C-alpha atoms as a PDB file:
ATOM      1  CA  MET A   1      38.779  33.118  75.056  1.00  0.00           C
ATOM      2  CA  ASP A   2      37.408  34.527  71.533  1.00  0.00           C
ATOM      3  CA  ASN A   3      34.683  31.764  70.316  1.00  0.00           C
ATOM      4  CA  SER A   4      33.143  34.380  67.670  1.00  0.00           C
ATOM      5  CA  ASN A   5      33.014  31.621  65.069  1.00  0.00           C
ATOM      6  CA  GLU A   6      31.535  29.071  67.263  1.00  0.00           C
ATOM      7  CA  ALA A   7      28.699  31.954  68.014  1.00  0.00           C
ATOM      8  CA  THR A   8      27.752  33.426  64.511  1.00  0.00           C
ATOM      9  CA  ARG A   9      27.466  29.827  63.226  1.00  0.00           C
ATOM     10  CA  LYS A  10      23.775  29.216  61.702  1.00  0.00           C
ATOM     11  CA  ARG A  11      21.924  26.655  63.763  1.00  0.00           C
ATOM     12  CA  ILE A  12      18.617  25.175  64.003  1.00  0.00           C
ATOM     13  CA  GLY A  13      16.833  23.375  66.484  1.00  0.00           C
ATOM     14  CA  PHE A  14      13.129  22.374  67.350  1.00  0.00           C
ATOM     15  CA  LEU A  15      11.056  23.755  69.870  1.00  0.00           C
ATOM     16  CA  SER A  16       8.410  21.994  71.602  1.00  0.00           C
ATOM     17  CA  PHE A  17       5.432  22.508  73.698  1.00  0.00           C
ATOM     18  CA  GLY A  18       5.151  18.728  74.314  1.00  0.00           C
ATOM     19  CA  ALA A  19       1.700  19.427  73.946  1.00  0.00           C
ATOM     20  CA  TRP A  20      -1.081  16.175  74.859  1.00  0.00           C
ATOM     21  CA  HIS A  21      -4.574  15.809  75.168  1.00  0.00           C
ATOM     22  CA  PRO A  22      -6.521  12.182  75.718  1.00  0.00           C
ATOM     23  CA  GLY A  23      -8.646  12.624  72.959  1.00  0.00           C
ATOM     24  CA  GLY A  24      -6.650  13.607  69.569  1.00  0.00           C
ATOM     25  CA  GLY A  25      -3.478  13.710  67.663  1.00  0.00           C
ATOM     26  CA  LEU A  26      -1.065  10.884  68.749  1.00  0.00           C
ATOM     27  CA  THR A  27       0.353  12.222  71.974  1.00  0.00           C
ATOM     28  CA  HIS A  28      -2.372  11.185  74.787  1.00  0.00           C
ATOM     29  CA  THR A  29      -0.909  11.077  78.133  1.00  0.00           C
ATOM     30  CA  GLY A  30       2.208  12.741  79.892  1.00  0.00           C
ATOM     31  CA  ALA A  31       4.056   9.976  79.210  1.00  0.00           C
ATOM     32  CA  ASP A  32       3.421  10.105  75.574  1.00  0.00           C
ATOM     33  CA  ALA A  33       4.461  13.586  75.956  1.00  0.00           C
ATOM     34  CA  LEU A  34       7.598  12.993  77.393  1.00  0.00           C
ATOM     35  CA  GLN A  35       9.003   9.840  75.602  1.00  0.00           C
ATOM     36  CA  GLN A  36       7.834  11.096  72.266  1.00  0.00           C
ATOM     37  CA  THR A  37      10.058  14.472  72.889  1.00  0.00           C
ATOM     38  CA  VAL A  38      13.456  12.075  73.214  1.00  0.00           C
ATOM     39  CA  GLU A  39      12.820  10.442  70.547  1.00  0.00           C
ATOM     40  CA  LEU A  40      12.265  13.212  68.410  1.00  0.00           C
ATOM     41  CA  ALA A  41      15.464  14.509  69.982  1.00  0.00           C
ATOM     42  CA  VAL A  42      17.282  11.567  68.993  1.00  0.00           C
ATOM     43  CA  ALA A  43      16.024  11.629  65.689  1.00  0.00           C
ATOM     44  CA  ALA A  44      16.906  15.130  65.052  1.00  0.00           C
ATOM     45  CA  GLU A  45      20.432  14.379  65.840  1.00  0.00           C
ATOM     46  CA  GLN A  46      20.724  11.786  63.287  1.00  0.00           C
ATOM     47  CA  ILE A  47      19.543  14.271  60.635  1.00  0.00           C
ATOM     48  CA  GLY A  48      21.891  17.229  61.833  1.00  0.00           C
ATOM     49  CA  ILE A  49      19.763  19.190  63.593  1.00  0.00           C
ATOM     50  CA  ASP A  50      21.178  21.165  66.294  1.00  0.00           C
ATOM     51  CA  GLY A  51      19.312  21.378  68.697  1.00  0.00           C
ATOM     52  CA  ALA A  52      16.137  20.052  70.730  1.00  0.00           C
ATOM     53  CA  PHE A  53      14.533  22.869  72.872  1.00  0.00           C
ATOM     54  CA  VAL A  54      11.331  22.699  75.053  1.00  0.00           C
ATOM     55  CA  ARG A  55       8.723  25.265  76.233  1.00  0.00           C
ATOM     56  CA  VAL A  56       7.592  24.808  79.613  1.00  0.00           C
ATOM     57  CA  HIS A  57       4.604  25.652  81.019  1.00  0.00           C
ATOM     58  CA  HIS A  58       2.629  25.047  84.315  1.00  0.00           C
ATOM     59  CA  PHE A  59      -1.134  23.333  85.134  1.00  0.00           C
ATOM     60  CA  ALA A  60      -1.516  22.746  81.261  1.00  0.00           C
ATOM     61  CA  ARG A  61      -1.477  19.414  80.264  1.00  0.00           C
ATOM     62  CA  GLN A  62       2.413  20.614  78.561  1.00  0.00           C
ATOM     63  CA  LEU A  63       5.874  19.671  79.117  1.00  0.00           C
ATOM     64  CA  SER A  64       6.192  21.104  82.826  1.00  0.00           C
ATOM     65  CA  SER A  65       9.393  19.720  85.098  1.00  0.00           C
ATOM     66  CA  PRO A  66      12.282  20.266  82.175  1.00  0.00           C
ATOM     67  CA  PHE A  67      14.850  19.055  83.987  1.00  0.00           C
ATOM     68  CA  PRO A  68      14.775  15.055  84.341  1.00  0.00           C
ATOM     69  CA  LEU A  69      13.423  15.314  80.205  1.00  0.00           C
ATOM     70  CA  LEU A  70      16.870  17.437  79.755  1.00  0.00           C
ATOM     71  CA  ALA A  71      18.515  14.406  81.155  1.00  0.00           C
ATOM     72  CA  ALA A  72      17.086  11.928  79.534  1.00  0.00           C
ATOM     73  CA  ILE A  73      17.557  13.794  75.725  1.00  0.00           C
ATOM     74  CA  GLY A  74      21.536  14.017  77.342  1.00  0.00           C
ATOM     75  CA  VAL A  75      22.019  10.409  77.956  1.00  0.00           C
ATOM     76  CA  LYS A  76      20.358   9.282  74.460  1.00  0.00           C
ATOM     77  CA  THR A  77      22.199  11.513  72.712  1.00  0.00           C
ATOM     78  CA  SER A  78      25.585  13.092  72.281  1.00  0.00           C
ATOM     79  CA  ARG A  79      25.734  16.258  69.958  1.00  0.00           C
ATOM     80  CA  ILE A  80      22.879  18.090  69.613  1.00  0.00           C
ATOM     81  CA  GLU A  81      21.942  21.132  72.220  1.00  0.00           C
ATOM     82  CA  ILE A  82      19.821  20.800  74.834  1.00  0.00           C
ATOM     83  CA  GLY A  83      17.014  23.385  76.172  1.00  0.00           C
ATOM     84  CA  THR A  84      14.376  25.253  77.101  1.00  0.00           C
ATOM     85  CA  GLY A  85      12.168  28.631  76.152  1.00  0.00           C
ATOM     86  CA  VAL A  86      11.916  29.328  78.542  1.00  0.00           C
ATOM     87  CA  ILE A  87      11.456  28.468  82.027  1.00  0.00           C
ATOM     88  CA  ASP A  88       9.508  30.966  84.059  1.00  0.00           C
ATOM     89  CA  MET A  89      11.953  31.665  86.992  1.00  0.00           C
ATOM     90  CA  ARG A  90       8.601  32.778  89.271  1.00  0.00           C
ATOM     91  CA  TYR A  91       8.554  29.477  89.735  1.00  0.00           C
ATOM     92  CA  GLU A  92      11.874  28.203  90.708  1.00  0.00           C
ATOM     93  CA  ASN A  93      13.956  27.944  93.505  1.00  0.00           C
ATOM     94  CA  PRO A  94      17.420  29.012  92.382  1.00  0.00           C
ATOM     95  CA  LEU A  95      19.285  27.207  94.453  1.00  0.00           C
ATOM     96  CA  TYR A  96      17.709  23.921  93.525  1.00  0.00           C
ATOM     97  CA  MET A  97      16.876  25.218  90.081  1.00  0.00           C
ATOM     98  CA  ALA A  98      21.321  25.419  90.185  1.00  0.00           C
ATOM     99  CA  GLU A  99      21.668  21.677  91.193  1.00  0.00           C
ATOM    100  CA  GLU A 100      19.180  20.289  88.784  1.00  0.00           C
ATOM    101  CA  ALA A 101      20.713  22.251  86.332  1.00  0.00           C
ATOM    102  CA  ALA A 102      24.178  20.954  86.622  1.00  0.00           C
ATOM    103  CA  ALA A 103      23.226  17.252  87.234  1.00  0.00           C
ATOM    104  CA  ALA A 104      21.224  18.110  83.783  1.00  0.00           C
ATOM    105  CA  ASP A 105      24.401  19.872  81.706  1.00  0.00           C
ATOM    106  CA  LEU A 106      27.201  17.191  83.079  1.00  0.00           C
ATOM    107  CA  LEU A 107      24.915  14.082  82.098  1.00  0.00           C
ATOM    108  CA  ALA A 108      24.619  15.776  78.798  1.00  0.00           C
ATOM    109  CA  GLY A 109      28.332  16.381  78.597  1.00  0.00           C
ATOM    110  CA  GLY A 110      28.221  20.296  78.686  1.00  0.00           C
ATOM    111  CA  ARG A 111      25.092  20.551  75.678  1.00  0.00           C
ATOM    112  CA  LEU A 112      22.803  22.592  78.057  1.00  0.00           C
ATOM    113  CA  GLN A 113      21.664  26.034  76.602  1.00  0.00           C
ATOM    114  CA  LEU A 114      19.210  27.400  79.422  1.00  0.00           C
ATOM    115  CA  GLY A 115      16.632  29.715  78.659  1.00  0.00           C
ATOM    116  CA  VAL A 116      14.559  31.098  81.582  1.00  0.00           C
ATOM    117  CA  SER A 117      12.632  34.599  81.990  1.00  0.00           C
ATOM    118  CA  ARG A 118       9.784  35.775  83.053  1.00  0.00           C
ATOM    119  CA  GLY A 119       7.777  33.025  81.305  1.00  0.00           C
ATOM    120  CA  SER A 120       4.142  33.779  79.222  1.00  0.00           C
ATOM    121  CA  PRO A 121       0.911  34.055  80.751  1.00  0.00           C
ATOM    122  CA  GLU A 122      -0.298  31.264  83.029  1.00  0.00           C
ATOM    123  CA  PRO A 123      -3.908  29.819  82.861  1.00  0.00           C
ATOM    124  CA  ALA A 124      -3.156  29.570  87.039  1.00  0.00           C
ATOM    125  CA  TRP A 125      -4.197  32.672  89.078  1.00  0.00           C
ATOM    126  CA  GLN A 126      -0.697  33.133  91.560  1.00  0.00           C
ATOM    127  CA  GLY A 127       0.345  29.814  90.134  1.00  0.00           C
ATOM    128  CA  ALA A 128       3.566  30.428  91.507  1.00  0.00           C
ATOM    129  CA  GLU A 129       2.478  31.687  95.234  1.00  0.00           C
ATOM    130  CA  ALA A 130       0.840  28.180  94.930  1.00  0.00           C
ATOM    131  CA  PHE A 131       4.366  26.317  94.608  1.00  0.00           C
ATOM    132  CA  GLY A 132       5.183  28.402  97.677  1.00  0.00           C
ATOM    133  CA  TYR A 133       6.430  31.502  96.312  1.00  0.00           C
ATOM    134  CA  PRO A 134       4.905  34.773  97.748  1.00  0.00           C
ATOM    135  CA  VAL A 135       4.035  37.162  95.385  1.00  0.00           C
ATOM    136  CA  GLU A 136       5.478  40.072  96.978  1.00  0.00           C
ATOM    137  CA  SER A 137       8.970  38.136  96.682  1.00  0.00           C
ATOM    138  CA  ASN A 138       8.445  36.477  93.172  1.00  0.00           C
ATOM    139  CA  ASP A 139      11.185  39.052  90.757  1.00  0.00           C
ATOM    140  CA  ALA A 140      12.435  37.054  88.489  1.00  0.00           C
ATOM    141  CA  ARG A 141      15.381  38.714  87.486  1.00  0.00           C
ATOM    142  CA  ASP A 142      16.497  38.592  91.323  1.00  0.00           C
ATOM    143  CA  LYS A 143      15.489  34.915  91.024  1.00  0.00           C
ATOM    144  CA  THR A 144      17.946  34.812  87.729  1.00  0.00           C
ATOM    145  CA  ALA A 145      20.118  36.992  89.400  1.00  0.00           C
ATOM    146  CA  LEU A 146      20.853  33.894  92.154  1.00  0.00           C
ATOM    147  CA  PHE A 147      20.863  31.359  89.915  1.00  0.00           C
ATOM    148  CA  ARG A 148      23.415  32.297  87.562  1.00  0.00           C
ATOM    149  CA  LYS A 149      25.367  33.248  90.854  1.00  0.00           C
ATOM    150  CA  ALA A 150      25.175  29.334  92.214  1.00  0.00           C
ATOM    151  CA  ILE A 151      26.182  27.996  88.703  1.00  0.00           C
ATOM    152  CA  SER A 152      29.320  29.970  88.761  1.00  0.00           C
ATOM    153  CA  GLY A 153      30.435  28.468  91.670  1.00  0.00           C
ATOM    154  CA  ALA A 154      30.046  31.405  93.844  1.00  0.00           C
ATOM    155  CA  GLY A 155      29.830  30.643  97.724  1.00  0.00           C
ATOM    156  CA  VAL A 156      25.641  31.345  99.144  1.00  0.00           C
ATOM    157  CA  VAL A 157      25.225  30.180 101.865  1.00  0.00           C
ATOM    158  CA  ALA A 158      27.325  30.013 105.133  1.00  0.00           C
ATOM    159  CA  GLY A 159      28.843  26.932 106.829  1.00  0.00           C
ATOM    160  CA  ASP A 160      27.547  25.187 110.327  1.00  0.00           C
ATOM    161  CA  ILE A 161      30.164  25.304 112.553  1.00  0.00           C
ATOM    162  CA  GLY A 162      28.563  24.378 116.050  1.00  0.00           C
ATOM    163  CA  GLY A 163      25.527  25.802 115.594  1.00  0.00           C
ATOM    164  CA  LYS A 164      26.323  29.076 114.129  1.00  0.00           C
ATOM    165  CA  PRO A 165      27.119  30.544 110.981  1.00  0.00           C
ATOM    166  CA  GLY A 166      30.604  30.345 109.997  1.00  0.00           C
ATOM    167  CA  GLY A 167      33.793  29.706 107.951  1.00  0.00           C
ATOM    168  CA  PRO A 168      33.829  30.045 104.347  1.00  0.00           C
ATOM    169  CA  MET A 169      30.453  30.104 102.714  1.00  0.00           C
ATOM    170  CA  LEU A 170      29.083  27.205 100.938  1.00  0.00           C
ATOM    171  CA  ALA A 171      28.640  26.858  96.920  1.00  0.00           C
ATOM    172  CA  VAL A 172      26.034  24.657  95.222  1.00  0.00           C
ATOM    173  CA  GLN A 173      26.818  21.061  94.365  1.00  0.00           C
ATOM    174  CA  PRO A 174      27.832  19.603  91.833  1.00  0.00           C
ATOM    175  CA  GLN A 175      29.056  22.654  89.480  1.00  0.00           C
ATOM    176  CA  SER A 176      29.377  22.534  85.386  1.00  0.00           C
ATOM    177  CA  PRO A 177      31.969  24.559  84.150  1.00  0.00           C
ATOM    178  CA  GLY A 178      30.800  27.045  81.459  1.00  0.00           C
ATOM    179  CA  LEU A 179      27.227  26.705  82.437  1.00  0.00           C
ATOM    180  CA  VAL A 180      26.842  30.226  83.404  1.00  0.00           C
ATOM    181  CA  ASP A 181      27.856  31.112  80.125  1.00  0.00           C
ATOM    182  CA  ARG A 182      25.256  28.858  78.796  1.00  0.00           C
ATOM    183  CA  ILE A 183      22.222  30.854  79.752  1.00  0.00           C
ATOM    184  CA  TRP A 184      19.565  32.615  77.991  1.00  0.00           C
ATOM    185  CA  TRP A 185      17.208  35.335  79.031  1.00  0.00           C
ATOM    186  CA  GLY A 186      13.637  35.347  76.783  1.00  0.00           C
ATOM    187  CA  SER A 187      13.080  38.805  75.591  1.00  0.00           C
ATOM    188  CA  GLY A 188       9.696  40.464  74.786  1.00  0.00           C
ATOM    189  CA  THR A 189      10.672  43.978  73.996  1.00  0.00           C
ATOM    190  CA  ARG A 190      13.848  46.111  72.942  1.00  0.00           C
ATOM    191  CA  GLU A 191      14.576  47.097  76.420  1.00  0.00           C
ATOM    192  CA  SER A 192      14.666  44.190  77.943  1.00  0.00           C
ATOM    193  CA  ALA A 193      17.278  42.721  75.098  1.00  0.00           C
ATOM    194  CA  VAL A 194      19.288  45.795  76.024  1.00  0.00           C
ATOM    195  CA  TRP A 195      19.098  44.568  79.780  1.00  0.00           C
ATOM    196  CA  VAL A 196      19.511  40.989  78.994  1.00  0.00           C
ATOM    197  CA  ALA A 197      23.095  42.893  76.946  1.00  0.00           C
ATOM    198  CA  GLU A 198      24.034  44.336  80.080  1.00  0.00           C
ATOM    199  CA  GLN A 199      23.470  40.935  82.667  1.00  0.00           C
ATOM    200  CA  GLY A 200      26.075  39.066  80.171  1.00  0.00           C
ATOM    201  CA  MET A 201      23.504  36.627  79.089  1.00  0.00           C
ATOM    202  CA  ASN A 202      22.428  35.074  75.370  1.00  0.00           C
ATOM    203  CA  LEU A 203      19.530  36.709  74.099  1.00  0.00           C
ATOM    204  CA  MET A 204      16.174  34.423  73.601  1.00  0.00           C
ATOM    205  CA  SER A 205      13.957  36.955  71.557  1.00  0.00           C
ATOM    206  CA  SER A 206      10.604  35.742  71.920  1.00  0.00           C
ATOM    207  CA  THR A 207       7.925  34.766  69.564  1.00  0.00           C
ATOM    208  CA  LEU A 208       6.045  37.471  70.156  1.00  0.00           C
ATOM    209  CA  LEU A 209       6.822  41.250  71.177  1.00  0.00           C
ATOM    210  CA  LEU A 210       5.072  43.217  73.947  1.00  0.00           C
ATOM    211  CA  GLU A 211       5.191  46.384  71.633  1.00  0.00           C
ATOM    212  CA  ASP A 212       4.106  47.453  68.355  1.00  0.00           C
ATOM    213  CA  THR A 213       5.390  49.641  66.008  1.00  0.00           C
ATOM    214  CA  ARG A 214       4.157  49.109  62.898  1.00  0.00           C
ATOM    215  CA  VAL A 215       6.811  47.902  61.227  1.00  0.00           C
ATOM    216  CA  PRO A 216       6.992  43.859  60.175  1.00  0.00           C
ATOM    217  CA  PHE A 217       7.738  41.269  62.951  1.00  0.00           C
ATOM    218  CA  ASP A 218      11.368  40.605  61.686  1.00  0.00           C
ATOM    219  CA  GLU A 219      11.991  44.079  60.897  1.00  0.00           C
ATOM    220  CA  LEU A 220      11.058  45.112  65.012  1.00  0.00           C
ATOM    221  CA  GLN A 221      12.743  41.850  65.981  1.00  0.00           C
ATOM    222  CA  ALA A 222      15.907  42.538  63.823  1.00  0.00           C
ATOM    223  CA  GLU A 223      15.675  46.264  65.489  1.00  0.00           C
ATOM    224  CA  GLN A 224      15.410  44.089  69.238  1.00  0.00           C
ATOM    225  CA  ILE A 225      18.663  42.125  67.982  1.00  0.00           C
ATOM    226  CA  THR A 226      21.238  44.963  67.087  1.00  0.00           C
ATOM    227  CA  LEU A 227      20.392  46.856  70.331  1.00  0.00           C
ATOM    228  CA  PHE A 228      20.787  43.732  72.064  1.00  0.00           C
ATOM    229  CA  HIS A 229      24.764  43.955  69.769  1.00  0.00           C
ATOM    230  CA  GLU A 230      24.982  47.322  70.861  1.00  0.00           C
ATOM    231  CA  ALA A 231      24.603  46.691  74.707  1.00  0.00           C
ATOM    232  CA  TRP A 232      26.620  44.275  74.517  1.00  0.00           C
ATOM    233  CA  GLN A 233      29.505  45.815  72.930  1.00  0.00           C
ATOM    234  CA  ARG A 234      29.437  48.776  75.478  1.00  0.00           C
ATOM    235  CA  ALA A 235      29.381  46.260  78.419  1.00  0.00           C
ATOM    236  CA  GLY A 236      32.702  45.086  77.328  1.00  0.00           C
ATOM    237  CA  HIS A 237      31.927  41.494  77.994  1.00  0.00           C
ATOM    238  CA  GLU A 238      34.855  38.736  76.815  1.00  0.00           C
ATOM    239  CA  ARG A 239      32.622  36.668  75.278  1.00  0.00           C
ATOM    240  CA  SER A 240      31.137  36.831  71.848  1.00  0.00           C
ATOM    241  CA  PRO A 241      26.848  36.359  72.428  1.00  0.00           C
ATOM    242  CA  ARG A 242      24.173  34.257  70.879  1.00  0.00           C
ATOM    243  CA  VAL A 243      21.068  34.944  69.769  1.00  0.00           C
ATOM    244  CA  SER A 244      17.775  32.863  69.007  1.00  0.00           C
ATOM    245  CA  VAL A 245      14.891  33.613  66.950  1.00  0.00           C
ATOM    246  CA  SER A 246      11.295  31.026  66.623  1.00  0.00           C
ATOM    247  CA  ARG A 247       9.763  29.859  63.846  1.00  0.00           C
ATOM    248  CA  SER A 248       6.445  28.368  62.820  1.00  0.00           C
ATOM    249  CA  VAL A 249       7.752  26.707  59.222  1.00  0.00           C
ATOM    250  CA  MET A 250       5.297  24.141  57.584  1.00  0.00           C
ATOM    251  CA  PRO A 251       6.945  22.826  54.810  1.00  0.00           C
ATOM    252  CA  ILE A 252       3.737  21.360  52.408  1.00  0.00           C
ATOM    253  CA  THR A 253       4.832  17.807  50.569  1.00  0.00           C
ATOM    254  CA  SER A 254       1.637  16.159  51.259  1.00  0.00           C
ATOM    255  CA  ASP A 255      -1.845  16.014  50.736  1.00  0.00           C
ATOM    256  CA  LEU A 256      -1.700  15.803  54.762  1.00  0.00           C
ATOM    257  CA  ASP A 257       0.216  18.772  55.045  1.00  0.00           C
ATOM    258  CA  ARG A 258      -2.121  20.620  53.169  1.00  0.00           C
ATOM    259  CA  ARG A 259      -5.307  19.429  54.928  1.00  0.00           C
ATOM    260  CA  LEU A 260      -3.077  20.395  57.927  1.00  0.00           C
ATOM    261  CA  PHE A 261      -1.526  23.632  57.012  1.00  0.00           C
ATOM    262  CA  GLY A 262      -2.535  24.837  54.214  1.00  0.00           C
ATOM    263  CA  ARG A 263      -4.843  27.437  55.578  1.00  0.00           C
ATOM    264  CA  ASP A 264      -2.424  29.209  57.601  1.00  0.00           C
ATOM    265  CA  GLU A 265      -2.209  32.556  57.648  1.00  0.00           C
ATOM    266  CA  ASN A 266       1.403  33.616  56.507  1.00  0.00           C
ATOM    267  CA  GLU A 267       1.207  36.932  57.932  1.00  0.00           C
ATOM    268  CA  ASP A 268       1.979  39.404  61.370  1.00  0.00           C
ATOM    269  CA  GLN A 269      -1.028  39.251  63.761  1.00  0.00           C
ATOM    270  CA  VAL A 270      -1.727  42.090  66.063  1.00  0.00           C
ATOM    271  CA  GLY A 271      -3.277  42.214  69.803  1.00  0.00           C
ATOM    272  CA  TRP A 272      -3.490  43.009  73.259  1.00  0.00           C
ATOM    273  CA  LEU A 273      -1.796  40.780  75.207  1.00  0.00           C
ATOM    274  CA  ASP A 274      -0.039  41.260  78.917  1.00  0.00           C
ATOM    275  CA  GLY A 275      -1.488  44.126  78.778  1.00  0.00           C
ATOM    276  CA  ALA A 276       0.362  45.725  76.043  1.00  0.00           C
ATOM    277  CA  ILE A 277      -0.519  46.048  72.568  1.00  0.00           C
ATOM    278  CA  SER A 278       1.836  42.860  70.681  1.00  0.00           C
ATOM    279  CA  ARG A 279       3.374  41.924  67.540  1.00  0.00           C
ATOM    280  CA  PHE A 280       3.027  37.906  66.669  1.00  0.00           C
ATOM    281  CA  GLY A 281       5.080  36.485  64.065  1.00  0.00           C
ATOM    282  CA  ARG A 282       3.923  35.234  60.859  1.00  0.00           C
ATOM    283  CA  SER A 283       3.740  31.280  59.974  1.00  0.00           C
ATOM    284  CA  TYR A 284       5.425  29.811  56.922  1.00  0.00           C
ATOM    285  CA  SER A 285       3.652  27.195  55.325  1.00  0.00           C
ATOM    286  CA  GLY A 286       3.845  26.218  51.819  1.00  0.00           C
ATOM    287  CA  GLU A 287       5.864  24.188  48.957  1.00  0.00           C
ATOM    288  CA  PRO A 288       9.368  24.173  50.444  1.00  0.00           C
ATOM    289  CA  ASP A 289      11.502  26.220  47.836  1.00  0.00           C
ATOM    290  CA  ARG A 290       8.942  29.133  48.332  1.00  0.00           C
ATOM    291  CA  ILE A 291       8.935  29.609  51.994  1.00  0.00           C
ATOM    292  CA  ALA A 292      12.693  29.273  51.823  1.00  0.00           C
ATOM    293  CA  GLU A 293      12.982  32.541  49.539  1.00  0.00           C
ATOM    294  CA  GLU A 294      10.722  33.977  52.379  1.00  0.00           C
ATOM    295  CA  LEU A 295      12.616  32.990  55.320  1.00  0.00           C
ATOM    296  CA  ALA A 296      16.320  34.410  53.405  1.00  0.00           C
ATOM    297  CA  LYS A 297      14.544  37.607  53.397  1.00  0.00           C
ATOM    298  CA  ASP A 298      13.765  37.581  57.555  1.00  0.00           C
ATOM    299  CA  ALA A 299      15.732  40.401  58.977  1.00  0.00           C
ATOM    300  CA  ALA A 300      15.376  38.361  62.362  1.00  0.00           C
ATOM    301  CA  VAL A 301      16.415  35.222  60.989  1.00  0.00           C
ATOM    302  CA  GLN A 302      19.541  36.624  59.049  1.00  0.00           C
ATOM    303  CA  ALA A 303      20.307  38.724  62.307  1.00  0.00           C
ATOM    304  CA  ALA A 304      20.152  35.652  64.766  1.00  0.00           C
ATOM    305  CA  ASP A 305      22.366  32.591  64.690  1.00  0.00           C
ATOM    306  CA  THR A 306      20.222  30.065  66.113  1.00  0.00           C
ATOM    307  CA  VAL A 307      16.756  29.479  64.318  1.00  0.00           C
ATOM    308  CA  LEU A 308      14.533  27.216  66.599  1.00  0.00           C
ATOM    309  CA  LEU A 309      11.498  25.351  64.586  1.00  0.00           C
ATOM    310  CA  THR A 310       7.948  25.001  66.417  1.00  0.00           C
ATOM    311  CA  VAL A 311       6.982  21.868  65.701  1.00  0.00           C
ATOM    312  CA  PRO A 312       3.526  20.305  66.096  1.00  0.00           C
ATOM    313  CA  SER A 313       4.198  17.569  69.011  1.00  0.00           C
ATOM    314  CA  GLN A 314       0.977  16.149  68.710  1.00  0.00           C
ATOM    315  CA  LEU A 315       1.011  14.927  65.506  1.00  0.00           C
ATOM    316  CA  GLY A 316       4.232  12.328  66.494  1.00  0.00           C
ATOM    317  CA  VAL A 317       7.412  11.644  65.910  1.00  0.00           C
ATOM    318  CA  GLU A 318       7.592  10.489  62.867  1.00  0.00           C
ATOM    319  CA  TYR A 319       5.360  13.147  61.284  1.00  0.00           C
ATOM    320  CA  ASN A 320       7.842  15.882  63.500  1.00  0.00           C
ATOM    321  CA  ALA A 321      10.812  13.728  62.133  1.00  0.00           C
ATOM    322  CA  GLN A 322      10.300  14.031  58.489  1.00  0.00           C
ATOM    323  CA  MET A 323       8.787  17.833  58.462  1.00  0.00           C
ATOM    324  CA  LEU A 324      12.535  18.706  60.452  1.00  0.00           C
ATOM    325  CA  ASP A 325      14.180  16.834  57.624  1.00  0.00           C
ATOM    326  CA  THR A 326      12.343  18.435  54.522  1.00  0.00           C
ATOM    327  CA  ILE A 327      13.390  22.095  56.033  1.00  0.00           C
ATOM    328  CA  ALA A 328      17.263  20.700  56.764  1.00  0.00           C
ATOM    329  CA  ARG A 329      17.439  19.829  53.225  1.00  0.00           C
ATOM    330  CA  GLU A 330      15.411  22.617  51.516  1.00  0.00           C
ATOM    331  CA  VAL A 331      14.716  25.230  53.668  1.00  0.00           C
ATOM    332  CA  ALA A 332      17.265  25.955  56.163  1.00  0.00           C
ATOM    333  CA  PRO A 333      20.218  26.335  53.310  1.00  0.00           C
ATOM    334  CA  ALA A 334      18.612  29.072  51.837  1.00  0.00           C
ATOM    335  CA  PHE A 335      19.128  31.069  54.932  1.00  0.00           C
ATOM    336  CA  GLY A 336      22.415  30.069  55.402  1.00  0.00           C
ATOM    337  CA  TRP A 337      22.373  26.742  57.901  1.00  0.00           C
ATOM    338  CA  LYS A 338      25.072  24.182  56.890  1.00  0.00           C
ATOM    339  CA  PRO A 339      24.851  20.435  58.374  1.00  0.00           C
ATOM    340  CA  GLU A 340      27.167  19.583  60.516  1.00  0.00           C
ATOM    341  CA  GLY A 341      28.005  15.815  62.588  1.00  0.00           C
ATOM    342  CA  ILE A 342      25.711  14.415  60.473  1.00  0.00           C
ATOM    343  CA  VAL A 343      25.431  10.938  62.126  1.00  0.00           C
ATOM    344  CA  SER A 344      22.684   9.271  59.323  1.00  0.00           C
ATOM    345  CA  GLU A 345      21.928  10.620  55.484  1.00  0.00           C
ATOM    346  CA  SER A 346      18.572   9.034  55.648  1.00  0.00           C
ATOM    347  CA  ALA A 347      15.409  11.154  55.252  1.00  0.00           C
ATOM    348  CA  SER A 348      13.648   8.969  57.365  1.00  0.00           C
ATOM    349  CA  PRO A 349      15.536   8.213  60.642  1.00  0.00           C
ATOM    350  CA  ASP A 350      15.392   4.938  62.624  1.00  0.00           C
ATOM    351  CA  LEU A 351      13.257   6.039  65.297  1.00  0.00           C
ATOM    352  CA  ARG A 352      12.949   2.222  67.490  1.00  0.00           C
END
């Protein structure tokens, strides 16, 4: 089935780390982080935002176990896509994860967009091993292959016939039709983007790239996206793929905005991370009309169908909902986004 129009429609979503801290901001506990993420997703849907995505980190005061949270968002909303960016597969049991993902997707009516990958550096030394997964057998790509096989409905374990294996291979249950086409891989290099296309997964281009060719971040990212699409065509996949990029977009419309983000450095940064010279994308902060013009010139934003907007989660639901509303009204239309399925025209959604 050709879904090229659906794949190329420009979408915007928020991406939250769900950070919390007892001593600062408006998000003091793990419960605050979870509840406020659900509330922000409800508010974002009212505004007309297309997606609610969460970062997943372990051994940190951030969101860590995504599926209960995604399921809660799914039953509280009706239209918005829900997803991750990304789940570190080193920490996962692929078959149990397949059950959890299918359950969350069914509760949400097929709206799950699941980003997976090796993940970013974690604070724990060999944290996945602490979860029970030995380092020597802890390949994120192998685990992802088994996970995708399981959610596709394939048999993954032999049945028990009188105390011995036999009969047809058993699939995990439940199954959620179409979920296998909504798996994204977080890619930090051009080489891995080609691999993603060959595997038939959607591309979630990283917030940083583990390489530096001395060109601006958006151009390097756009090159990565081009290589992905070329490899997808060579592979001969039937469906049209999707591609997302993430951006830090902070429109300044008040004195509070100016105090918080007025001094952000709106330029790329280059540094050493995870054993490689890496290029980090710039922030976009300033007056809405100015950052709208700048984002319209961002090569990767133009090349992607989905733009994920990082939110300062510790500032609370009301602040972030207002920020997303400003972006939706005054910034996103400049790079090709149009609202769809708006529930409320209000600039200040009812968060009760």
